[in-house]
Amino acid sequence: MARGRAAVAARRARQVERELHTIPGIGNVTSTSSLVRPELIVRPDFAKAADLGVTSAAITDTLRIATAGDYDQALPKLNLSQRQVPVVVKLQADARADLELLSRLAVPGAHGPVMLGNVATLLIDGGPAQIDRYGRARNINFEIELNQQPLGAVESAALALPSLKSLPPGVTQTTVGDAEAMAELFESFGLAMLTGVLCICIVLVLLFKDFVQPVTILAALVLSIPGAFLALFITQTAISMPSMIGLIMLMGIATKNSILLVEYAIMARRDRGLTRMEALLDAYHKRARPIVMTTIAMGAGMLPIALGWGVDPSFRSPMAIVVIGGLITSTFLSLLVIPVVFNYVDDAVLRINGWLHRRRPGALGKAGAAGAAAGLADTH
């Protein structure tokens, strides 16, 4: 059964390899199934072997000793004055291809020696140079040179091949190598983003001593993501691990603009007694220029890296492109959207506080006492 599945997988692997060569733009395609070398194949007849009392281990030991020699610890030793020399007895190299000679090898059985040809069939055939396993199952690996093609595009084109769409029973497709690492990266990226946002939220709550206004500040993160992906699309840069790292970096940088606006508006209302609209306009007037200046400085510093000036631009360039694109959209959209979000959040807080104030029993008792006093005054 295992040999049958291996043969089916090898035939399908050759078909997949032929179809992979039709994908435009890629480089060389290599397969571990194509590495075939001549080998001696022994197929025991288990019925005859059981009748003659010959075990599979006995057949294996006989062929191993005859073709490669015994284990080192089982070899006899020639004792010299200062050392021992192991004595290896085996067939000559050219005799290993003589099936007639090998079939006459004596195999120990329960009732005496038995010729190997009586309990097994020997033949010379091609077989894999090495057997790879993945998850304890026979595995055939394909290595594709991307030739500067995006990994995701090549993977999608490969999975769309007819030979991979309809696999035979018992044969499955698994992603390994760079594609597997990219899939694991995407799976863990959500957890990393969530952890980063949670850490930023905790710091903001500790600094502002408020659980509501940090929501306004975190809105800048949503505004920065479209710019990051738009920059990748304009520059024709594929989503990769460096670009994901750039997104995590962008979270902390983009939050800075909202902090400058919201913190100043809260301080102006609390310390200077301004209304909400006056505080927001004052925050615009005082903080818009620093926000734009810091964004331009950060973008100018990242520009040489994004253009690929320096060592190894393939890793640093996508990271800088994501940061620059996210900063541009985050800066300009924050100046427009964050005040609106601040208004809505502040209105929601006022409504909730008013509703809670009306629901308090103490507030209702005071209101009832005031009403009774007013009625008493009217009767007098």
Foldseek 3Di string as FASTA:
>chain_A
DQVVLVVQVLVLVVVLLVVLVVPPPWDDKDKLSVQKDKDKDKAFQVVQCVVQAFDPVQVVQQLCLAAPRDDPVPFDWDDDPPDTDGDRDYDDPVCNQVPVVQQQGWGAGPVGTDGNVRGIDIDMDMDGPDFDDDPNGTDMDMDIGNNPPDPVVSVVVSCPDPSNVDDDPPDHDDDDDPVVVFVVCVVCLVVLLVVLLVVVLVVVCVVVVDNQCVVLLQVLLVQLQVQLVVLCVVVVHDDDPLLSVLSSVLSVVLSVLLCQQVVQLVCCCVPVVDDNVVSNVVSCVPPLVVLVVVLVVLLVVLVCLLVPPDPPSVRRNSSSSSNNRSSVRSSVVCNVVSSVVVVVSVVVVVVVVVVVCVPDPVNVVVVVVVVVVVVVVVVD
